[in-house]
């Protein structure tokens, strides 16, 4: 081969590698779409539909994500569950292990005794582990919570007993998330959080197992618990969900 042609040959040989590296560097957007549906028929007619959407943008040292979800259930043509929620957060990593964040959230659950709940928090986070297959973050922050309870009616007469109350209070937020890729196509995630105020404390747990089926399509099984310390009359403290969904990552 002529020495004049050698640089051209080397450039052509390295072109696919450089293109792949450039594509990886340019991929700052990613996301996840989940959908689940169950239908029980026979002596009991029951359906549950759940949808979730997560979008992320990462461009060091910034990270942004927004999550939206909705769930509805009917049993014997009667609505038994209906809720909607979302949160959005922004992070700034000032070191490889430390970051600050801001977070806003909203939830509307028609069977929780509350019309809606809003929170605004900010704080600091620590990355305890960031390995190829294992990540563990802990966070602490301060914020404010706004909530409005449902109007209370007499179940027999239908008369209004009391108007829903609006409350707002400062809160302390503590949370941790642990993610472990324990197999090539399987991941375990555990999330724990608690928002503590003088009037109320709301804690949340999410335990999830994700198994990839083919490509970016995966099956997710999750068990969620939301525990509210102070709830309106005739309302349970703990809301529990077991969900099976299909997920597509992009």
Protein backbone atom coordinates (compact mmCIF):
# COMPACT_ATOMS: atom_id res chain seq x y z
CA UNK A 1 0.00 0.00 0.00
CA UNK A 2 1.28 3.49 -0.81
CA UNK A 3 2.24 5.65 2.15
CA UNK A 4 0.04 8.37 0.66
CA UNK A 5 -3.01 6.13 0.99
CA UNK A 6 -2.24 5.00 4.56
CA UNK A 7 -3.87 8.01 6.33
CA UNK A 8 -7.01 7.57 4.23
CA UNK A 9 -7.21 3.86 5.10
CA UNK A 10 -6.77 4.58 8.81
CA UNK A 11 -9.47 7.26 8.69
CA UNK A 12 -11.93 4.91 6.98
CA UNK A 13 -11.18 2.13 9.48
CA UNK A 14 -11.74 4.38 12.49
CA UNK A 15 -14.86 6.11 11.11
CA UNK A 16 -17.42 3.59 12.53
CA UNK A 17 -15.84 3.75 16.00
CA UNK A 18 -15.80 7.56 15.99
CA UNK A 19 -19.40 7.67 14.79
CA UNK A 20 -20.47 5.33 17.59
CA UNK A 21 -18.66 7.39 20.23
CA UNK A 22 -20.23 10.58 18.89
CA UNK A 23 -23.69 9.02 19.00
CA UNK A 24 -23.18 8.00 22.63
CA UNK A 25 -22.03 11.50 23.55
CA UNK A 26 -24.99 13.11 21.80
CA UNK A 27 -27.60 10.94 23.53
CA UNK A 28 -28.65 13.28 26.31
CA UNK A 29 -32.38 12.41 26.13
CA UNK A 30 -33.83 9.13 27.36
CA UNK A 31 -37.10 7.88 28.76
CA UNK A 32 -39.40 5.06 29.72
CA UNK A 33 -43.04 4.27 28.90
CA UNK A 34 -45.07 1.78 30.99
CA UNK A 35 -48.53 0.36 30.45
CA UNK A 36 -50.50 -2.23 32.39
CA UNK A 37 -54.01 -3.65 32.05
CA UNK A 38 -55.83 -6.43 33.89
CA UNK A 39 -59.37 -7.73 33.35
CA UNK A 40 -61.03 -10.22 35.70
CA UNK A 41 -64.37 -11.70 34.66
CA UNK A 42 -66.76 -14.29 36.03
CA UNK A 43 -68.34 -13.83 39.45
CA UNK A 44 -66.58 -10.48 39.68
CA UNK A 45 -65.94 -8.01 36.89
CA UNK A 46 -62.85 -5.95 37.61
CA UNK A 47 -60.44 -3.96 35.43
CA UNK A 48 -57.32 -1.95 36.24
CA UNK A 49 -55.45 0.32 33.84
CA UNK A 50 -52.17 2.03 34.63
CA UNK A 51 -49.89 4.20 32.51
CA UNK A 52 -46.55 5.85 33.33
CA UNK A 53 -44.16 8.09 31.42
CA UNK A 54 -40.64 9.18 32.38
CA UNK A 55 -38.38 11.48 30.38
CA UNK A 56 -34.81 12.46 31.30
CA UNK A 57 -32.18 14.84 30.00
CA UNK A 58 -28.59 14.46 31.19
CA UNK A 59 -25.85 16.85 30.18
CA UNK A 60 -23.16 17.08 32.85
CA UNK A 61 -23.27 18.62 35.35
CA UNK A 62 -27.07 18.98 34.94
CA UNK A 63 -29.75 16.33 35.11
CA UNK A 64 -33.50 16.86 34.62
CA UNK A 65 -36.41 14.41 34.73
CA UNK A 66 -40.19 14.49 34.69
CA UNK A 67 -42.49 11.61 35.61
CA UNK A 68 -46.27 11.32 35.01
CA UNK A 69 -48.58 8.45 36.01
CA UNK A 70 -52.27 7.58 36.08
CA UNK A 71 -54.23 4.63 37.47
CA UNK A 72 -57.92 3.68 37.35
CA UNK A 73 -59.82 0.60 38.59
CA UNK A 74 -63.44 -0.51 38.29
CA UNK A 75 -65.19 -3.38 40.06
CA UNK A 76 -68.69 -4.45 39.02
CA UNK A 77 -69.10 -1.18 37.06
CA UNK A 78 -68.17 0.90 40.11
CA UNK A 79 -65.00 3.01 40.20
CA UNK A 80 -62.77 1.79 43.04
CA UNK A 81 -59.55 3.68 42.35
CA UNK A 82 -58.54 6.74 40.36
CA UNK A 83 -55.39 8.74 40.83
CA UNK A 84 -52.97 10.92 38.90
CA UNK A 85 -49.54 12.14 39.86
CA UNK A 86 -46.41 13.79 38.54
CA UNK A 87 -43.09 15.15 39.67
CA UNK A 88 -40.31 17.10 38.04
CA UNK A 89 -36.79 17.59 39.38
CA UNK A 90 -33.55 19.28 38.44
CA UNK A 91 -30.10 18.28 39.71
CA UNK A 92 -26.72 19.97 39.59
CA UNK A 93 -23.67 17.81 40.33
CA UNK A 94 -20.88 19.91 41.78
CA UNK A 95 -18.72 16.79 42.29
CA UNK A 96 -18.92 13.17 41.11
CA UNK A 97 -20.50 12.20 44.45
CA UNK A 98 -22.49 15.26 45.53
CA UNK A 99 -25.37 17.22 44.03
CA UNK A 100 -28.10 19.71 44.83
CA UNK A 101 -31.67 19.30 43.62
CA UNK A 102 -35.01 21.01 43.32
CA UNK A 103 -38.25 19.02 43.12
CA UNK A 104 -41.97 19.75 42.63
CA UNK A 105 -44.74 17.14 42.81
CA UNK A 106 -48.51 16.91 42.47
CA UNK A 107 -50.94 14.13 43.31
CA UNK A 108 -54.69 13.77 42.93
CA UNK A 109 -56.21 10.62 44.43
CA UNK A 110 -60.01 10.52 44.47
CA UNK A 111 -60.09 7.73 47.07
CA UNK A 112 -57.47 9.00 49.52
CA UNK A 113 -59.63 11.57 51.28
CA UNK A 114 -57.57 14.39 49.76
CA UNK A 115 -58.51 16.42 46.68
CA UNK A 116 -54.89 17.15 45.91
CA UNK A 117 -51.43 17.44 47.40
CA UNK A 118 -48.51 19.59 46.23
CA UNK A 119 -44.93 19.64 47.47
CA UNK A 120 -41.95 21.84 46.65
CA UNK A 121 -38.56 20.76 48.04
CA UNK A 122 -34.86 21.38 47.54
CA UNK A 123 -31.80 19.87 49.14
CA UNK A 124 -28.58 17.95 48.74
CA UNK A 125 -27.80 14.39 47.64
CA UNK A 126 -24.92 11.98 48.05
CA UNK A 127 -23.99 9.19 45.69
CA UNK A 128 -22.82 6.43 48.02
CA UNK A 129 -22.12 3.93 45.25
CA UNK A 130 -21.89 4.37 41.49
CA UNK A 131 -20.66 1.07 40.08
CA UNK A 132 -21.36 -0.51 36.72
CA UNK A 133 -24.15 -2.67 38.13
CA UNK A 134 -25.02 -0.93 41.41
CA UNK A 135 -26.04 2.62 42.35
CA UNK A 136 -27.18 4.04 45.69
CA UNK A 137 -28.17 7.65 46.40
CA UNK A 138 -29.43 9.33 49.59
CA UNK A 139 -31.03 12.78 49.80
CA UNK A 140 -32.10 15.30 52.43
CA UNK A 141 -33.97 18.54 51.87
CA UNK A 142 -36.44 21.14 53.07
CA UNK A 143 -39.67 22.23 51.45
CA UNK A 144 -43.34 23.07 51.69
CA UNK A 145 -46.50 20.98 51.32
CA UNK A 146 -49.97 22.14 50.30
CA UNK A 147 -52.96 19.78 50.63
CA UNK A 148 -56.73 19.98 50.46
CA UNK A 149 -59.02 17.31 51.93
CA UNK A 150 -62.32 16.17 50.42
CA UNK A 151 -65.68 17.43 51.59
CA UNK A 152 -67.28 14.98 54.04
CA UNK A 153 -70.88 13.83 53.49
CA UNK A 154 -73.24 11.70 55.55
CA UNK A 155 -73.40 8.35 53.72
CA UNK A 156 -77.09 7.82 54.60
CA UNK A 157 -78.61 11.27 54.03
CA UNK A 158 -76.01 12.65 51.63
CA UNK A 159 -75.89 15.86 53.67
CA UNK A 160 -72.66 17.85 53.86
CA UNK A 161 -71.05 17.35 57.27
CA UNK A 162 -67.97 19.53 56.84
CA UNK A 163 -66.09 21.33 54.12
CA UNK A 164 -62.68 20.07 53.09
CA UNK A 165 -59.79 21.78 54.81
CA UNK A 166 -56.76 23.38 53.18
CA UNK A 167 -53.46 22.98 54.97
CA UNK A 168 -49.90 24.02 54.26
CA UNK A 169 -46.75 23.45 56.26
CA UNK A 170 -42.96 23.28 55.99
CA UNK A 171 -41.56 19.78 55.62
CA UNK A 172 -38.32 17.85 55.82
CA UNK A 173 -37.76 15.35 53.00
CA UNK A 174 -35.52 12.28 53.33
CA UNK A 175 -35.18 9.74 50.54
CA UNK A 176 -32.97 6.98 49.19
CA UNK A 177 -32.93 4.95 45.98
CA UNK A 178 -31.03 1.73 45.42
CA UNK A 179 -30.62 0.14 41.97
CA UNK A 180 -28.92 -3.19 41.32
CA UNK A 181 -28.45 -4.88 37.93
CA UNK A 182 -28.06 -8.36 39.42
CA UNK A 183 -28.19 -10.10 36.03
CA UNK A 184 -27.56 -9.15 32.42
CA UNK A 185 -31.27 -8.59 31.75
CA UNK A 186 -32.66 -8.06 35.26
CA UNK A 187 -32.74 -5.09 37.64
CA UNK A 188 -33.92 -4.56 41.22
CA UNK A 189 -34.93 -1.08 42.46
CA UNK A 190 -35.87 0.04 45.98
CA UNK A 191 -37.09 3.57 46.70
CA UNK A 192 -37.91 4.95 50.15
CA UNK A 193 -38.96 8.51 50.95
CA UNK A 194 -40.59 10.42 53.78
CA UNK A 195 -41.90 13.99 53.92
CA UNK A 196 -42.27 15.02 57.56
CA UNK A 197 -44.17 18.03 58.91
CA UNK A 198 -45.71 19.08 62.21
CA UNK A 199 -49.24 18.31 60.97
CA UNK A 200 -48.65 15.26 58.81
CA UNK A 201 -46.01 12.79 57.61
CA UNK A 202 -46.28 10.98 54.28
CA UNK A 203 -43.96 8.07 53.49
CA UNK A 204 -43.57 6.11 50.29
CA UNK A 205 -41.97 2.80 49.35
CA UNK A 206 -41.51 1.29 45.88
CA UNK A 207 -40.01 -2.15 45.35
CA UNK A 208 -39.62 -3.13 41.69
CA UNK A 209 -38.19 -5.94 39.63
CA UNK A 210 -37.53 -5.41 35.91
CA UNK A 211 -36.71 -8.18 33.43
CA UNK A 212 -35.92 -7.41 29.80
CA UNK A 213 -37.88 -9.49 27.30
CA UNK A 214 -36.39 -8.42 24.00
CA UNK A 215 -34.46 -5.32 23.03
CA UNK A 216 -35.71 -2.36 25.08
CA UNK A 217 -39.00 -4.08 25.99
CA UNK A 218 -39.20 -5.23 29.61
CA UNK A 219 -41.64 -6.69 32.13
CA UNK A 220 -41.92 -4.84 35.46
CA UNK A 221 -43.44 -6.04 38.72
CA UNK A 222 -43.71 -3.42 41.47
CA UNK A 223 -45.14 -3.20 44.98
CA UNK A 224 -45.93 0.33 46.18
CA UNK A 225 -46.96 1.58 49.61
CA UNK A 226 -47.99 5.11 50.50
CA UNK A 227 -48.49 5.70 54.23
CA UNK A 228 -50.16 8.89 55.44
CA UNK A 229 -49.99 9.48 59.19
CA UNK A 230 -53.01 11.82 59.46
CA UNK A 231 -55.93 11.02 57.15
CA UNK A 232 -59.58 12.15 56.89
CA UNK A 233 -62.27 10.11 58.63
CA UNK A 234 -63.00 6.62 57.25
CA UNK A 235 -59.78 6.62 55.19
CA UNK A 236 -57.04 4.02 55.48
CA UNK A 237 -53.54 5.16 56.42
CA UNK A 238 -51.81 2.85 53.92
CA UNK A 239 -52.48 2.61 50.19
CA UNK A 240 -50.92 -0.50 48.64
CA UNK A 241 -50.50 -1.43 44.97
CA UNK A 242 -49.14 -4.48 43.20
CA UNK A 243 -48.62 -3.68 39.52
CA UNK A 244 -47.47 -5.67 36.50
CA UNK A 245 -46.58 -3.52 33.50
CA UNK A 246 -44.79 -3.65 30.16
CA UNK A 247 -42.07 -1.05 29.74
CA UNK A 248 -40.30 0.36 26.71
CA UNK A 249 -37.09 2.37 27.14
CA UNK A 250 -35.78 4.81 24.58
